[in-house]
Amino acid sequence: MIFTAIFVVFAALLILLALKTVLDRNLTHSAIFLMTFLFALSALFIFLGASLVGAIELLVFVGAVVTLLVFTLMLTGGRELE
């Protein structure tokens, strides 16, 4: 019962973060929401018992892809969408 409740909370958090990532007009905030989404997704994978997938998600996506995206936004200015 408690596992189902934790799963529902993580699923709702993931949906909210995914929507905030897509709908936010500030590119820097979108990148931060994407990073938080990927952290939560990794935690969900680890919670469900797929620790290898969670660790790979954490290392590859959060550690490399989002970091490069944040640096790109910092170098280009990260202006708001019009």
N, C-alpha and C. Protein backbone atom coordinates (compact mmCIF):
# COMPACT_ATOMS: atom_id res chain seq x y z
N MET A 1 0.81 -1.19 0.00
CA MET A 1 0.00 0.00 0.00
C MET A 1 0.87 1.27 0.00
N ILE A 2 1.91 1.29 0.83
CA ILE A 2 2.77 2.47 0.89
C ILE A 2 3.57 2.63 -0.40
N PHE A 3 3.93 1.50 -1.03
CA PHE A 3 4.67 1.58 -2.28
C PHE A 3 3.82 2.18 -3.39
N THR A 4 2.54 1.84 -3.40
CA THR A 4 1.63 2.41 -4.39
C THR A 4 1.49 3.91 -4.18
N ALA A 5 1.39 4.35 -2.94
CA ALA A 5 1.27 5.77 -2.66
C ALA A 5 2.53 6.52 -3.08
N ILE A 6 3.70 5.96 -2.81
CA ILE A 6 4.95 6.59 -3.21
C ILE A 6 5.06 6.66 -4.73
N PHE A 7 4.64 5.58 -5.40
CA PHE A 7 4.67 5.57 -6.86
C PHE A 7 3.74 6.64 -7.44
N VAL A 8 2.55 6.78 -6.88
CA VAL A 8 1.60 7.80 -7.36
C VAL A 8 2.16 9.20 -7.14
N VAL A 9 2.81 9.43 -6.01
CA VAL A 9 3.41 10.75 -5.75
C VAL A 9 4.52 11.03 -6.76
N PHE A 10 5.39 10.05 -7.02
CA PHE A 10 6.45 10.24 -8.00
C PHE A 10 5.87 10.46 -9.39
N ALA A 11 4.84 9.71 -9.76
CA ALA A 11 4.24 9.86 -11.08
C ALA A 11 3.62 11.24 -11.25
N ALA A 12 2.93 11.73 -10.23
CA ALA A 12 2.34 13.07 -10.30
C ALA A 12 3.44 14.13 -10.39
N LEU A 13 4.52 13.95 -9.63
CA LEU A 13 5.64 14.88 -9.68
C LEU A 13 6.27 14.89 -11.07
N LEU A 14 6.43 13.72 -11.67
CA LEU A 14 7.02 13.63 -13.00
C LEU A 14 6.15 14.31 -14.04
N ILE A 15 4.83 14.13 -13.95
CA ILE A 15 3.93 14.78 -14.90
C ILE A 15 4.00 16.30 -14.74
N LEU A 16 4.00 16.77 -13.52
CA LEU A 16 4.07 18.21 -13.26
C LEU A 16 5.38 18.79 -13.78
N LEU A 17 6.49 18.12 -13.51
CA LEU A 17 7.79 18.63 -13.97
C LEU A 17 7.91 18.59 -15.49
N ALA A 18 7.35 17.57 -16.12
CA ALA A 18 7.38 17.50 -17.59
C ALA A 18 6.58 18.64 -18.19
N LEU A 19 5.42 18.94 -17.63
CA LEU A 19 4.61 20.05 -18.13
C LEU A 19 5.31 21.38 -17.92
N LYS A 20 5.93 21.57 -16.75
CA LYS A 20 6.66 22.81 -16.48
C LYS A 20 7.85 22.96 -17.43
N THR A 21 8.50 21.85 -17.78
CA THR A 21 9.63 21.90 -18.70
C THR A 21 9.19 22.39 -20.07
N VAL A 22 8.08 21.91 -20.54
CA VAL A 22 7.63 22.25 -21.89
C VAL A 22 6.95 23.62 -21.94
N LEU A 23 6.22 23.98 -20.91
CA LEU A 23 5.40 25.19 -20.97
C LEU A 23 6.07 26.45 -20.43
N ASP A 24 7.20 26.34 -19.76
CA ASP A 24 7.85 27.52 -19.21
C ASP A 24 8.48 28.34 -20.33
N ARG A 25 8.37 29.64 -20.25
CA ARG A 25 8.88 30.52 -21.30
C ARG A 25 10.35 30.88 -21.10
N ASN A 26 10.88 30.69 -19.92
CA ASN A 26 12.29 30.98 -19.64
C ASN A 26 13.10 29.71 -19.89
N LEU A 27 14.09 29.80 -20.78
CA LEU A 27 14.85 28.61 -21.16
C LEU A 27 15.69 28.06 -20.01
N THR A 28 16.20 28.93 -19.17
CA THR A 28 17.00 28.47 -18.04
C THR A 28 16.13 27.70 -17.05
N HIS A 29 14.94 28.21 -16.79
CA HIS A 29 14.02 27.50 -15.89
C HIS A 29 13.61 26.16 -16.49
N SER A 30 13.41 26.12 -17.81
CA SER A 30 13.06 24.86 -18.46
C SER A 30 14.18 23.83 -18.30
N ALA A 31 15.42 24.27 -18.41
CA ALA A 31 16.55 23.36 -18.23
C ALA A 31 16.62 22.85 -16.79
N ILE A 32 16.33 23.71 -15.84
CA ILE A 32 16.33 23.28 -14.43
C ILE A 32 15.19 22.30 -14.17
N PHE A 33 14.01 22.57 -14.75
CA PHE A 33 12.90 21.63 -14.60
C PHE A 33 13.22 20.29 -15.25
N LEU A 34 13.91 20.32 -16.41
CA LEU A 34 14.30 19.08 -17.07
C LEU A 34 15.27 18.29 -16.20
N MET A 35 16.22 18.98 -15.58
CA MET A 35 17.17 18.30 -14.70
C MET A 35 16.46 17.69 -13.50
N THR A 36 15.52 18.42 -12.92
CA THR A 36 14.76 17.90 -11.79
C THR A 36 13.90 16.71 -12.20
N PHE A 37 13.32 16.79 -13.39
CA PHE A 37 12.53 15.68 -13.93
C PHE A 37 13.38 14.42 -14.07
N LEU A 38 14.58 14.59 -14.61
CA LEU A 38 15.44 13.42 -14.81
C LEU A 38 15.94 12.86 -13.48
N PHE A 39 16.18 13.71 -12.49
CA PHE A 39 16.52 13.22 -11.15
C PHE A 39 15.37 12.39 -10.58
N ALA A 40 14.15 12.91 -10.69
CA ALA A 40 12.99 12.20 -10.15
C ALA A 40 12.75 10.89 -10.90
N LEU A 41 12.97 10.90 -12.21
CA LEU A 41 12.81 9.67 -13.00
C LEU A 41 13.84 8.62 -12.59
N SER A 42 15.06 9.07 -12.34
CA SER A 42 16.10 8.16 -11.87
C SER A 42 15.73 7.59 -10.50
N ALA A 43 15.22 8.43 -9.62
CA ALA A 43 14.80 7.95 -8.30
C ALA A 43 13.65 6.95 -8.42
N LEU A 44 12.74 7.18 -9.36
CA LEU A 44 11.63 6.25 -9.57
C LEU A 44 12.13 4.90 -10.07
N PHE A 45 13.09 4.92 -10.99
CA PHE A 45 13.67 3.67 -11.47
C PHE A 45 14.35 2.91 -10.33
N ILE A 46 15.09 3.62 -9.51
CA ILE A 46 15.77 2.97 -8.38
C ILE A 46 14.74 2.43 -7.39
N PHE A 47 13.68 3.18 -7.15
CA PHE A 47 12.61 2.74 -6.25
C PHE A 47 11.93 1.47 -6.76
N LEU A 48 11.78 1.35 -8.08
CA LEU A 48 11.12 0.18 -8.66
C LEU A 48 12.04 -1.03 -8.79
N GLY A 49 13.30 -0.87 -8.43
CA GLY A 49 14.21 -2.01 -8.43
C GLY A 49 15.13 -2.08 -9.63
N ALA A 50 15.03 -1.13 -10.55
CA ALA A 50 15.90 -1.10 -11.72
C ALA A 50 17.05 -0.12 -11.44
N SER A 51 17.92 -0.51 -10.53
CA SER A 51 18.96 0.41 -10.08
C SER A 51 19.99 0.70 -11.17
N LEU A 52 20.26 -0.25 -12.06
CA LEU A 52 21.20 0.00 -13.14
C LEU A 52 20.65 1.04 -14.10
N VAL A 53 19.40 0.93 -14.45
CA VAL A 53 18.77 1.92 -15.34
C VAL A 53 18.74 3.29 -14.67
N GLY A 54 18.44 3.33 -13.38
CA GLY A 54 18.43 4.59 -12.65
C GLY A 54 19.80 5.22 -12.59
N ALA A 55 20.83 4.41 -12.38
CA ALA A 55 22.19 4.94 -12.32
C ALA A 55 22.65 5.45 -13.69
N ILE A 56 22.32 4.72 -14.74
CA ILE A 56 22.68 5.17 -16.09
C ILE A 56 21.94 6.45 -16.44
N GLU A 57 20.67 6.52 -16.09
CA GLU A 57 19.88 7.74 -16.31
C GLU A 57 20.53 8.92 -15.60
N LEU A 58 20.93 8.71 -14.37
CA LEU A 58 21.54 9.77 -13.58
C LEU A 58 22.87 10.22 -14.17
N LEU A 59 23.71 9.27 -14.54
CA LEU A 59 25.03 9.61 -15.05
C LEU A 59 24.99 10.21 -16.45
N VAL A 60 24.24 9.58 -17.34
CA VAL A 60 24.27 10.01 -18.74
C VAL A 60 23.44 11.27 -18.95
N PHE A 61 22.18 11.22 -18.55
CA PHE A 61 21.30 12.35 -18.87
C PHE A 61 21.55 13.55 -17.98
N VAL A 62 21.51 13.34 -16.67
CA VAL A 62 21.70 14.48 -15.76
C VAL A 62 23.15 14.92 -15.77
N GLY A 63 24.06 13.98 -15.77
CA GLY A 63 25.47 14.33 -15.67
C GLY A 63 26.06 14.92 -16.92
N ALA A 64 25.55 14.55 -18.08
CA ALA A 64 26.18 15.01 -19.32
C ALA A 64 25.26 15.92 -20.14
N VAL A 65 24.11 15.43 -20.49
CA VAL A 65 23.25 16.15 -21.43
C VAL A 65 22.73 17.45 -20.83
N VAL A 66 22.18 17.40 -19.63
CA VAL A 66 21.62 18.61 -19.03
C VAL A 66 22.73 19.59 -18.67
N THR A 67 23.88 19.11 -18.26
CA THR A 67 25.00 20.00 -17.95
C THR A 67 25.44 20.76 -19.21
N LEU A 68 25.52 20.07 -20.34
CA LEU A 68 25.86 20.75 -21.58
C LEU A 68 24.79 21.74 -21.99
N LEU A 69 23.53 21.39 -21.77
CA LEU A 69 22.43 22.30 -22.09
C LEU A 69 22.49 23.56 -21.23
N VAL A 70 22.76 23.40 -19.95
CA VAL A 70 22.86 24.56 -19.06
C VAL A 70 24.04 25.44 -19.44
N PHE A 71 25.18 24.85 -19.75
CA PHE A 71 26.32 25.66 -20.18
C PHE A 71 26.04 26.38 -21.48
N THR A 72 25.34 25.73 -22.41
CA THR A 72 24.98 26.37 -23.67
C THR A 72 24.06 27.56 -23.42
N LEU A 73 23.09 27.39 -22.53
CA LEU A 73 22.19 28.49 -22.22
C LEU A 73 22.92 29.63 -21.53
N MET A 74 23.89 29.29 -20.68
CA MET A 74 24.64 30.33 -19.99
C MET A 74 25.50 31.12 -20.97
N LEU A 75 26.08 30.45 -21.96
CA LEU A 75 26.95 31.13 -22.91
C LEU A 75 26.17 31.95 -23.93
N THR A 76 24.96 31.50 -24.28
CA THR A 76 24.19 32.23 -25.29
C THR A 76 23.25 33.26 -24.69
N GLY A 77 23.11 33.29 -23.39
CA GLY A 77 22.27 34.29 -22.76
C GLY A 77 20.99 33.72 -22.19
N GLY A 78 20.45 32.67 -22.76
CA GLY A 78 19.24 32.04 -22.24
C GLY A 78 18.05 32.99 -22.16
N ARG A 79 17.79 33.69 -23.26
CA ARG A 79 16.70 34.65 -23.28
C ARG A 79 15.35 33.94 -23.22
N GLU A 80 14.33 34.73 -22.88
CA GLU A 80 12.97 34.20 -22.85
C GLU A 80 12.44 34.05 -24.27
N LEU A 81 11.54 33.09 -24.46
CA LEU A 81 10.89 32.92 -25.75
C LEU A 81 9.83 34.00 -25.93
N GLU A 82 9.65 34.41 -27.15
CA GLU A 82 8.65 35.45 -27.42
C GLU A 82 7.34 34.86 -27.88
